[in-house]
N, C-alpha and C. Protein backbone atom coordinates (compact mmCIF):
# COMPACT_ATOMS: atom_id res chain seq x y z
N MET A 1 21.77 22.00 -12.57
CA MET A 1 20.92 21.09 -13.36
C MET A 1 19.75 21.07 -11.60
N ALA A 2 18.33 20.32 -12.10
CA ALA A 2 17.44 19.93 -11.72
C ALA A 2 17.04 18.92 -10.50
N CYS A 3 18.16 17.71 -11.07
CA CYS A 3 18.26 16.47 -10.37
C CYS A 3 20.59 16.36 -9.53
N ALA A 4 19.65 17.46 -9.53
CA ALA A 4 21.44 17.57 -8.46
C ALA A 4 21.52 17.04 -7.33
N LEU A 5 22.18 16.21 -6.07
CA LEU A 5 22.37 15.81 -5.31
C LEU A 5 21.97 16.16 -4.28
N THR A 6 21.14 16.28 -2.53
CA THR A 6 21.32 16.98 -1.80
C THR A 6 21.74 17.22 -0.09
N THR A 7 22.76 15.74 -0.55
CA THR A 7 23.32 15.35 1.37
C THR A 7 23.63 13.81 0.97
N GLY A 8 24.23 13.07 2.32
CA GLY A 8 25.15 12.41 2.56
C GLY A 8 24.11 11.46 3.62
N PHE A 9 24.40 10.64 4.27
CA PHE A 9 23.48 9.52 4.76
C PHE A 9 25.11 8.59 5.37
N SER A 10 24.39 8.51 6.83
CA SER A 10 25.45 7.82 8.26
C SER A 10 24.61 6.58 8.36
N LEU A 11 24.59 6.09 9.28
CA LEU A 11 24.10 4.94 9.78
C LEU A 11 23.03 4.92 10.64
N GLN A 12 22.64 4.75 10.82
CA GLN A 12 21.19 5.00 12.35
C GLN A 12 21.39 3.58 13.02
N CYS A 13 20.28 3.85 14.37
CA CYS A 13 20.11 3.55 14.88
C CYS A 13 19.48 2.11 14.25
N ARG A 14 19.85 0.79 15.23
CA ARG A 14 19.26 0.04 15.07
C ARG A 14 17.42 -0.17 15.49
N ASP A 15 17.15 0.56 15.04
CA ASP A 15 15.15 0.04 15.27
C ASP A 15 14.89 0.14 14.97
N GLY A 16 14.79 -0.50 13.54
CA GLY A 16 13.56 -1.34 12.45
C GLY A 16 13.32 -1.86 13.18
N ALA A 17 12.03 -2.19 12.48
CA ALA A 17 10.58 -3.84 12.49
C ALA A 17 10.00 -3.57 11.06
N GLY A 18 10.07 -4.80 10.40
CA GLY A 18 8.98 -5.58 8.97
C GLY A 18 7.76 -5.70 9.17
N GLY A 19 7.20 -5.53 8.14
CA GLY A 19 5.68 -5.54 8.35
C GLY A 19 4.92 -5.05 8.55
N ILE A 20 3.63 -5.33 8.06
CA ILE A 20 2.42 -4.34 7.92
C ILE A 20 1.91 -4.89 9.02
N LYS A 21 0.51 -3.65 9.53
CA LYS A 21 0.19 -4.25 10.62
C LYS A 21 -1.36 -3.68 9.83
N ASN A 22 -1.67 -2.75 9.52
CA ASN A 22 -2.98 -2.46 8.94
C ASN A 22 -2.76 -1.57 7.89
N VAL A 23 -3.20 -2.04 6.74
CA VAL A 23 -3.53 -1.56 5.61
C VAL A 23 -5.02 -0.81 4.89
N TYR A 24 -4.78 0.59 4.74
CA TYR A 24 -6.68 1.11 4.48
C TYR A 24 -6.02 1.31 3.00
N LEU A 25 -7.99 1.00 2.33
CA LEU A 25 -7.80 0.77 1.33
C LEU A 25 -8.92 1.81 0.46
N ILE A 26 -9.01 2.48 -0.90
CA ILE A 26 -9.71 2.88 -1.33
C ILE A 26 -9.97 3.57 -2.99
N GLU A 27 -11.09 3.82 -3.70
CA GLU A 27 -11.07 3.29 -4.87
C GLU A 27 -9.91 4.74 -5.15
N LEU A 28 -8.96 4.91 -6.23
CA LEU A 28 -8.67 5.54 -6.96
C LEU A 28 -8.98 7.04 -6.81
N ASP A 29 -10.95 6.84 -7.91
CA ASP A 29 -11.25 8.05 -7.92
C ASP A 29 -12.26 8.23 -7.22
N ASN A 30 -12.14 8.19 -5.36
CA ASN A 30 -12.56 8.59 -4.46
C ASN A 30 -11.43 9.14 -3.74
N VAL A 31 -10.51 9.93 -4.20
CA VAL A 31 -9.68 10.44 -4.19
C VAL A 31 -9.22 12.10 -4.11
N ALA A 32 -10.14 12.96 -3.97
CA ALA A 32 -10.09 13.79 -4.62
C ALA A 32 -8.37 14.51 -5.02
N SER A 33 -7.67 14.95 -3.62
CA SER A 33 -6.73 15.53 -3.58
C SER A 33 -6.23 15.13 -2.63
N TYR A 34 -4.26 15.50 -2.62
CA TYR A 34 -3.51 15.06 -1.42
C TYR A 34 -3.23 16.39 -1.15
N THR A 35 -1.98 16.86 -0.55
CA THR A 35 -1.19 17.25 0.34
C THR A 35 -0.04 16.97 0.29
N GLU A 36 1.12 17.79 -0.04
CA GLU A 36 2.73 17.18 0.60
C GLU A 36 3.10 17.48 -0.06
N SER A 37 4.20 17.55 1.04
CA SER A 37 5.59 18.44 2.37
C SER A 37 6.86 17.42 2.20
N SER A 38 7.54 17.97 0.67
CA SER A 38 8.76 16.98 1.02
C SER A 38 8.81 15.30 1.06
N GLY A 39 7.65 15.55 0.40
CA GLY A 39 8.15 13.39 0.20
C GLY A 39 6.59 12.88 1.22
N THR A 40 6.17 13.83 2.29
CA THR A 40 5.84 12.82 2.72
C THR A 40 3.69 14.01 2.41
N ILE A 41 2.28 12.93 2.64
CA ILE A 41 1.00 13.26 3.03
C ILE A 41 0.29 13.81 3.59
N THR A 42 0.30 15.92 4.34
CA THR A 42 -0.10 16.16 4.74
C THR A 42 -1.74 15.51 4.88
N ALA A 43 -1.59 15.21 4.08
CA ALA A 43 -3.83 15.52 3.76
C ALA A 43 -4.39 15.14 2.69
N ILE A 44 -5.11 14.14 2.97
CA ILE A 44 -5.56 13.01 2.01
C ILE A 44 -7.54 13.56 2.01
N THR A 45 -7.76 14.38 0.84
CA THR A 45 -9.50 15.26 0.96
C THR A 45 -10.22 14.10 -0.21
N LYS A 46 -11.57 13.24 0.71
CA LYS A 46 -11.84 11.86 -0.28
C LYS A 46 -13.21 12.86 -0.67
N ALA A 47 -13.51 11.99 -1.84
CA ALA A 47 -14.61 12.64 -2.03
C ALA A 47 -15.54 12.61 -1.83
N SER A 48 -16.81 13.37 -1.10
CA SER A 48 -17.54 12.98 -0.37
C SER A 48 -18.36 12.28 0.63
N GLY A 49 -18.24 11.51 1.69
CA GLY A 49 -19.29 10.77 1.94
C GLY A 49 -18.51 8.73 1.84
N LYS A 50 -17.72 9.20 0.68
CA LYS A 50 -16.26 8.22 0.47
C LYS A 50 -15.23 8.22 2.25
N VAL A 51 -15.13 7.22 2.03
CA VAL A 51 -13.99 6.40 3.19
C VAL A 51 -13.02 4.97 3.15
N PHE A 52 -11.74 5.61 3.48
CA PHE A 52 -10.67 4.77 2.78
C PHE A 52 -11.32 3.09 4.19
N PHE A 53 -11.41 1.95 3.91
CA PHE A 53 -11.48 0.44 4.39
C PHE A 53 -10.31 0.27 4.89
N LYS A 54 -10.24 0.42 5.96
CA LYS A 54 -9.38 -0.51 6.97
C LYS A 54 -9.35 -1.53 7.13
N TYR A 55 -8.07 -2.26 6.93
CA TYR A 55 -7.75 -4.24 6.74
C TYR A 55 -7.09 -4.18 8.23
N VAL A 56 -7.46 -4.70 8.76
CA VAL A 56 -6.25 -5.64 9.79
C VAL A 56 -5.35 -6.22 9.98
N LEU A 57 -4.38 -6.33 9.86
CA LEU A 57 -3.62 -7.47 9.68
C LEU A 57 -2.78 -8.77 10.46
N GLU A 58 -2.78 -9.50 10.60
CA GLU A 58 -2.50 -10.87 11.31
C GLU A 58 -0.62 -10.76 10.96
N ASN A 59 -0.01 -10.45 12.41
CA ASN A 59 0.96 -10.46 12.36
C ASN A 59 2.34 -11.33 10.97
N ASP A 60 2.98 -10.58 10.39
CA ASP A 60 4.14 -11.43 9.93
C ASP A 60 3.88 -11.86 8.45
N THR A 61 2.34 -11.41 8.35
CA THR A 61 1.47 -12.16 7.28
C THR A 61 1.47 -11.12 5.66
N ALA A 62 2.28 -9.83 5.39
CA ALA A 62 1.43 -9.60 4.72
C ALA A 62 3.28 -7.95 4.50
N ASN A 63 3.37 -7.47 3.40
CA ASN A 63 4.45 -6.66 2.86
C ASN A 63 3.78 -6.02 1.55
N PHE A 64 5.21 -4.73 1.83
CA PHE A 64 5.00 -3.90 0.67
C PHE A 64 6.40 -3.62 -0.14
N ALA A 65 6.81 -3.80 -1.33
CA ALA A 65 7.79 -2.73 -1.09
C ALA A 65 7.98 -2.28 -2.19
N GLU A 66 8.72 -1.79 -3.40
CA GLU A 66 9.07 -0.63 -4.01
C GLU A 66 10.17 -0.61 -4.94
N ALA A 67 10.43 -1.55 -6.35
CA ALA A 67 11.45 -1.47 -6.65
C ALA A 67 11.38 -0.12 -7.96
N ILE A 68 12.88 0.51 -8.27
CA ILE A 68 13.17 1.72 -8.73
C ILE A 68 13.51 0.57 -9.92
N THR A 69 12.73 1.81 -11.67
CA THR A 69 13.00 0.65 -12.37
C THR A 69 13.34 1.75 -13.02
N THR A 70 14.52 1.19 -14.22
CA THR A 70 15.00 2.69 -15.27
C THR A 70 14.96 1.55 -16.58
N ASN A 71 15.36 2.52 -17.78
CA ASN A 71 15.65 2.10 -18.86
C ASN A 71 16.23 3.07 -19.10
N ARG A 72 17.78 3.04 -19.65
CA ARG A 72 18.82 4.17 -19.44
C ARG A 72 18.71 4.15 -20.74
N GLN A 73 18.67 3.80 -21.97
CA GLN A 73 18.74 4.47 -23.41
C GLN A 73 17.42 4.84 -24.04
N ASN A 74 16.60 4.88 -23.21
CA ASN A 74 14.57 5.67 -22.42
C ASN A 74 15.48 6.15 -22.03
N GLY A 75 16.18 7.11 -21.22
CA GLY A 75 15.93 7.62 -19.74
C GLY A 75 14.84 7.39 -19.29
N SER A 76 14.01 6.94 -18.91
CA SER A 76 13.45 6.71 -17.98
C SER A 76 13.36 5.53 -16.95
N VAL A 77 12.45 6.84 -15.73
CA VAL A 77 12.32 6.07 -14.58
C VAL A 77 11.86 5.94 -13.56
N TYR A 78 10.32 4.42 -13.43
CA TYR A 78 9.15 4.60 -12.25
C TYR A 78 9.72 3.50 -11.51
N TYR A 79 8.38 4.04 -9.97
CA TYR A 79 8.56 2.90 -8.98
C TYR A 79 7.55 2.03 -9.47
N ALA A 80 8.21 0.42 -9.37
CA ALA A 80 7.53 -0.48 -9.54
C ALA A 80 6.57 -0.75 -7.19
N GLN A 81 5.47 -0.14 -7.29
CA GLN A 81 5.29 -1.01 -5.63
C GLN A 81 4.15 -2.18 -6.05
N THR A 82 4.27 -2.88 -5.21
CA THR A 82 3.21 -4.25 -4.99
C THR A 82 3.02 -4.05 -3.42
N LEU A 83 2.31 -5.20 -3.00
CA LEU A 83 1.90 -4.95 -1.69
C LEU A 83 1.05 -6.86 -1.57
N GLN A 84 1.65 -7.28 -1.13
CA GLN A 84 0.40 -8.76 -0.30
C GLN A 84 0.02 -8.50 0.72
N VAL A 85 -1.62 -8.85 0.38
CA VAL A 85 -2.15 -9.12 2.28
C VAL A 85 -2.36 -10.72 2.22
N VAL A 86 -2.53 -10.76 3.52
CA VAL A 86 -3.29 -12.25 3.18
C VAL A 86 -4.33 -11.70 4.70
N LEU A 87 -5.33 -12.66 3.64
CA LEU A 87 -6.54 -12.44 4.93
C LEU A 87 -7.75 -14.34 5.38
N ASN A 88 -7.34 -14.40 6.75
CA ASN A 88 -7.75 -15.62 7.77
C ASN A 88 -8.83 -15.99 7.30
N LYS A 89 -9.35 -17.43 6.99
CA LYS A 89 -10.75 -17.82 7.16
C LYS A 89 -11.82 -17.33 5.41
N LEU A 90 -11.62 -18.88 4.91
CA LEU A 90 -12.16 -19.02 4.01
C LEU A 90 -14.14 -18.10 4.22
N ARG A 91 -14.41 -17.01 4.19
CA ARG A 91 -15.92 -16.45 4.12
C ARG A 91 -16.25 -15.62 2.62
N VAL A 92 -17.79 -16.18 3.11
CA VAL A 92 -18.58 -15.12 1.56
C VAL A 92 -18.29 -13.94 1.20
N ALA A 93 -18.16 -13.19 2.62
CA ALA A 93 -17.86 -12.05 2.47
C ALA A 93 -16.82 -11.43 2.48
N VAL A 94 -15.83 -12.04 2.17
CA VAL A 94 -14.39 -11.42 2.06
C VAL A 94 -14.39 -11.98 0.10
N ARG A 95 -14.91 -13.61 0.18
CA ARG A 95 -14.67 -13.79 -1.17
C ARG A 95 -15.45 -12.47 -2.27
N ASN A 96 -16.17 -11.86 -1.69
CA ASN A 96 -17.39 -11.00 -1.91
C ASN A 96 -16.55 -9.64 -2.67
N GLU A 97 -15.79 -9.12 -1.62
CA GLU A 97 -15.06 -8.08 -1.46
C GLU A 97 -13.33 -8.36 -2.35
N ILE A 98 -12.68 -8.39 -1.99
CA ILE A 98 -12.03 -9.54 -3.22
C ILE A 98 -12.45 -9.44 -4.64
N LYS A 99 -13.47 -8.98 -4.50
CA LYS A 99 -13.42 -9.36 -6.03
C LYS A 99 -14.20 -7.97 -6.66
N LEU A 100 -14.07 -6.93 -5.59
CA LEU A 100 -14.87 -5.98 -5.96
C LEU A 100 -13.24 -5.31 -5.66
N LEU A 101 -12.00 -5.32 -5.36
CA LEU A 101 -10.78 -5.44 -4.93
C LEU A 101 -10.06 -5.14 -6.23
N ALA A 102 -10.55 -6.36 -6.50
CA ALA A 102 -10.11 -6.87 -8.03
C ALA A 102 -10.65 -5.89 -9.36
N GLN A 103 -11.99 -5.62 -9.47
CA GLN A 103 -12.48 -4.95 -10.53
C GLN A 103 -11.89 -3.48 -10.17
N ASN A 104 -11.58 -3.04 -9.42
CA ASN A 104 -11.15 -1.18 -8.91
C ASN A 104 -9.57 -1.13 -9.30
N ARG A 105 -9.57 -0.22 -9.29
CA ARG A 105 -7.91 0.98 -9.26
C ARG A 105 -8.22 1.32 -8.23
N LEU A 106 -7.50 1.33 -6.79
CA LEU A 106 -7.10 1.43 -5.78
C LEU A 106 -5.85 2.33 -5.43
N VAL A 107 -5.68 2.96 -4.14
CA VAL A 107 -4.86 3.91 -3.76
C VAL A 107 -4.93 3.15 -2.07
N ALA A 108 -3.79 2.84 -1.09
CA ALA A 108 -3.04 2.11 -0.52
C ALA A 108 -2.68 2.97 0.61
N VAL A 109 -2.86 2.60 1.75
CA VAL A 109 -1.98 3.46 3.13
C VAL A 109 -1.26 2.27 3.89
N VAL A 110 -0.10 2.20 3.79
CA VAL A 110 -0.05 0.89 4.56
C VAL A 110 0.76 1.59 5.58
N GLU A 111 0.16 0.76 6.77
CA GLU A 111 1.11 1.53 7.75
C GLU A 111 1.90 -0.18 8.79
N THR A 112 3.07 0.30 8.68
CA THR A 112 3.73 -0.77 8.50
C THR A 112 4.31 -0.91 10.29
N MET A 113 5.30 -1.42 11.09
CA MET A 113 4.86 -2.05 12.40
C MET A 113 6.04 -1.04 13.16
N ASP A 114 6.66 -0.77 11.93
CA ASP A 114 8.09 0.70 13.22
C ASP A 114 6.88 2.30 13.33
N GLY A 115 5.74 1.99 12.94
CA GLY A 115 4.95 2.89 12.94
C GLY A 115 5.37 4.27 12.10
N SER A 116 4.88 3.93 10.66
CA SER A 116 5.37 4.40 9.43
C SER A 116 4.33 3.92 9.17
N ALA A 117 3.91 4.86 7.63
CA ALA A 117 3.23 5.02 7.47
C ALA A 117 3.41 5.17 5.61
N TRP A 118 2.79 4.29 4.04
CA TRP A 118 3.32 5.13 3.07
C TRP A 118 1.83 4.52 2.17
N LEU A 119 1.95 5.58 1.28
CA LEU A 119 1.00 6.07 0.32
C LEU A 119 1.20 5.09 -1.44
N LEU A 120 0.29 4.07 -1.25
CA LEU A 120 1.45 3.66 -2.96
C LEU A 120 -0.69 3.65 -3.88
N GLY A 121 0.18 3.95 -5.29
CA GLY A 121 -0.54 3.81 -5.96
C GLY A 121 -1.42 6.03 -5.81
N LYS A 122 -0.53 6.32 -5.82
CA LYS A 122 -0.72 7.70 -5.28
C LYS A 122 -1.52 7.92 -6.49
N GLU A 123 -1.25 7.99 -8.03
CA GLU A 123 -1.45 8.56 -9.60
C GLU A 123 -1.83 7.11 -10.25
N ARG A 124 -1.79 6.55 -10.53
CA ARG A 124 -2.45 5.45 -11.34
C ARG A 124 -3.26 4.20 -10.58
N GLY A 125 -2.65 4.26 -9.62
CA GLY A 125 -3.76 3.00 -9.29
C GLY A 125 -3.39 1.81 -8.67
N MET A 126 -3.41 1.28 -7.69
CA MET A 126 -3.00 -0.02 -7.27
C MET A 126 -3.75 -0.97 -8.50
N MET A 127 -3.55 -2.03 -8.43
CA MET A 127 -4.56 -2.85 -9.45
C MET A 127 -4.22 -4.68 -8.70
N VAL A 128 -5.19 -5.58 -8.70
CA VAL A 128 -4.89 -6.42 -8.39
C VAL A 128 -3.82 -7.08 -9.29
N SER A 129 -3.27 -7.50 -9.11
CA SER A 129 -2.44 -8.28 -10.41
C SER A 129 -2.21 -9.83 -10.14
N GLY A 130 -2.80 -10.33 -8.41
CA GLY A 130 -2.93 -11.83 -8.60
C GLY A 130 -3.09 -12.34 -6.93
N GLY A 131 -3.15 -13.51 -6.66
CA GLY A 131 -3.69 -14.34 -5.67
C GLY A 131 -3.92 -15.48 -5.40
N SER A 132 -4.73 -16.08 -4.50
CA SER A 132 -5.01 -16.95 -4.63
C SER A 132 -6.25 -17.37 -2.83
N VAL A 133 -6.93 -18.42 -3.22
CA VAL A 133 -7.15 -18.72 -1.89
C VAL A 133 -7.12 -20.02 -1.83
N ALA A 134 -7.16 -20.69 -0.39
CA ALA A 134 -6.29 -21.97 -0.26
C ALA A 134 -7.28 -22.77 1.07
N SER A 135 -8.06 -23.82 1.12
CA SER A 135 -8.61 -24.26 2.17
C SER A 135 -7.57 -24.73 2.84
N GLY A 136 -5.63 -25.21 2.45
CA GLY A 136 -4.81 -26.27 4.09
C GLY A 136 -4.87 -27.58 3.35
N THR A 137 -4.18 -27.62 3.50
CA THR A 137 -4.13 -29.42 3.52
C THR A 137 -4.52 -30.34 5.68
N ALA A 138 -3.49 -29.48 5.99
CA ALA A 138 -3.22 -29.77 7.49
C ALA A 138 -4.21 -28.99 9.00
N MET A 139 -4.01 -29.85 9.97
CA MET A 139 -4.89 -28.88 11.20
C MET A 139 -4.70 -27.34 10.94
N ALA A 140 -3.27 -27.02 10.75
CA ALA A 140 -2.77 -26.42 11.61
C ALA A 140 -2.25 -25.17 10.41
N ASP A 141 -2.96 -25.90 8.80
CA ASP A 141 -2.52 -24.64 7.70
C ASP A 141 -3.53 -23.84 7.73
N ARG A 142 -2.42 -22.72 6.90
CA ARG A 142 -3.90 -21.02 6.89
C ARG A 142 -5.08 -21.82 5.47
N ASN A 143 -5.94 -21.67 6.38
CA ASN A 143 -7.76 -21.77 5.15
C ASN A 143 -7.35 -19.94 4.81
N GLY A 144 -7.32 -19.52 4.32
CA GLY A 144 -7.99 -17.78 3.18
C GLY A 144 -6.96 -17.98 2.14
N TYR A 145 -7.37 -16.48 2.31
CA TYR A 145 -6.66 -15.92 1.26
C TYR A 145 -5.63 -13.97 0.84
N THR A 146 -4.70 -15.40 -0.17
CA THR A 146 -4.19 -14.21 -0.42
C THR A 146 -4.01 -13.18 -1.40
N ILE A 147 -4.41 -11.96 -1.20
CA ILE A 147 -3.78 -11.13 -2.34
C ILE A 147 -2.78 -9.97 -2.65
N ASP A 148 -2.62 -10.00 -4.17
CA ASP A 148 -1.59 -9.61 -4.50
C ASP A 148 -1.70 -8.60 -5.47
N MET A 149 -1.42 -6.80 -4.72
CA MET A 149 -1.20 -5.43 -5.78
C MET A 149 -0.44 -5.17 -6.53
N ALA A 150 -0.64 -4.40 -7.16
CA ALA A 150 1.03 -3.59 -8.17
C ALA A 150 0.61 -2.66 -8.64
N ALA A 151 1.64 -1.69 -8.13
CA ALA A 151 1.09 -0.36 -9.40
C ALA A 151 2.25 0.07 -9.98
N ASP A 152 1.97 1.44 -10.94
CA ASP A 152 3.13 1.58 -11.87
C ASP A 152 3.40 3.09 -11.18
N GLU A 153 4.25 3.96 -10.65
CA GLU A 153 4.14 5.29 -10.47
C GLU A 153 5.24 5.55 -10.36
N LYS A 154 5.06 7.31 -11.50
CA LYS A 154 6.03 8.34 -11.33
C LYS A 154 7.17 8.92 -10.02
N GLU A 155 6.53 8.87 -9.57
CA GLU A 155 7.54 9.37 -7.92
C GLU A 155 7.01 8.15 -6.82
N PRO A 156 8.13 7.67 -6.27
CA PRO A 156 8.49 6.74 -5.05
C PRO A 156 7.33 7.22 -4.31
N ALA A 157 6.88 6.24 -3.39
CA ALA A 157 5.67 6.42 -2.56
C ALA A 157 6.43 7.19 -1.38
N TYR A 158 4.63 8.42 -0.87
CA TYR A 158 5.29 9.11 -0.41
C TYR A 158 5.03 8.37 0.83
N GLU A 159 5.50 9.10 2.30
CA GLU A 159 6.09 8.74 3.64
C GLU A 159 4.16 9.54 4.30
N VAL A 160 3.28 8.86 4.77
CA VAL A 160 2.12 9.55 4.93
C VAL A 160 2.12 9.98 6.66
N SER A 161 1.42 11.69 6.77
CA SER A 161 1.63 11.61 8.11
C SER A 161 0.86 10.81 9.18
N THR A 162 1.52 9.85 10.01
CA THR A 162 0.48 8.89 11.57
C THR A 162 -1.12 10.06 11.49
N GLY A 163 -0.46 11.32 11.97
CA GLY A 163 -1.66 11.91 12.71
C GLY A 163 -2.91 11.67 11.68
N ILE A 164 -2.92 11.48 11.03
CA ILE A 164 -4.05 11.77 8.90
C ILE A 164 -4.92 10.44 8.75
N LEU A 165 -4.13 9.72 10.04
CA LEU A 165 -4.67 7.50 9.45
C LEU A 165 -6.22 7.83 10.39
N ALA A 166 -6.79 8.01 11.38
CA ALA A 166 -7.65 8.29 11.70
C ALA A 166 -8.96 8.43 11.47
N GLY A 167 -8.17 10.15 10.30
CA GLY A 167 -8.97 10.95 9.74
C GLY A 167 -9.52 9.86 8.12
N LEU A 168 -8.91 8.78 7.42
CA LEU A 168 -8.63 8.03 6.39
C LEU A 168 -10.28 7.36 6.76
N LEU A 169 -11.00 6.66 8.20
CA LEU A 169 -12.12 6.39 8.68
C LEU A 169 -12.89 7.19 8.54
N THR A 170 -13.03 8.63 7.57
CA THR A 170 -14.20 8.82 8.95
C THR A 170 -15.07 9.36 7.52
């Protein structure tokens, strides 16, 4: 049977940390290929002259999640990936970029606070699914943008070798 179990798991050290520190985004059509080994992306080849754009995020403002979605009657399974990014301060340059994000299918590499990185939207791409723009009310309120993105993928998110992150920007 091709889907036979292969291992068990024990408790791990309590050294995890939540949150996202950086998100790298590129249009799905600008990713030429991936090199993958046992669930880890070890290389991403981009179209000539194309780069990922790095979004440096404020602590404790962004998250990603992946829901395993199944249908017993149909025998299907897929992975619903979501990403929420917060960008502070209303600015026309951010407004214009969000408009472009909303018009594209995207690939996201999410760099987490625990030092790992994960690929979202690998095959079908992430799309902006919603968000908000707010001025805030009180002086200490957020003034900025919340961007929600979603993807439905056949495979769960792949871990990305952190050694390739710098190369995404060149």
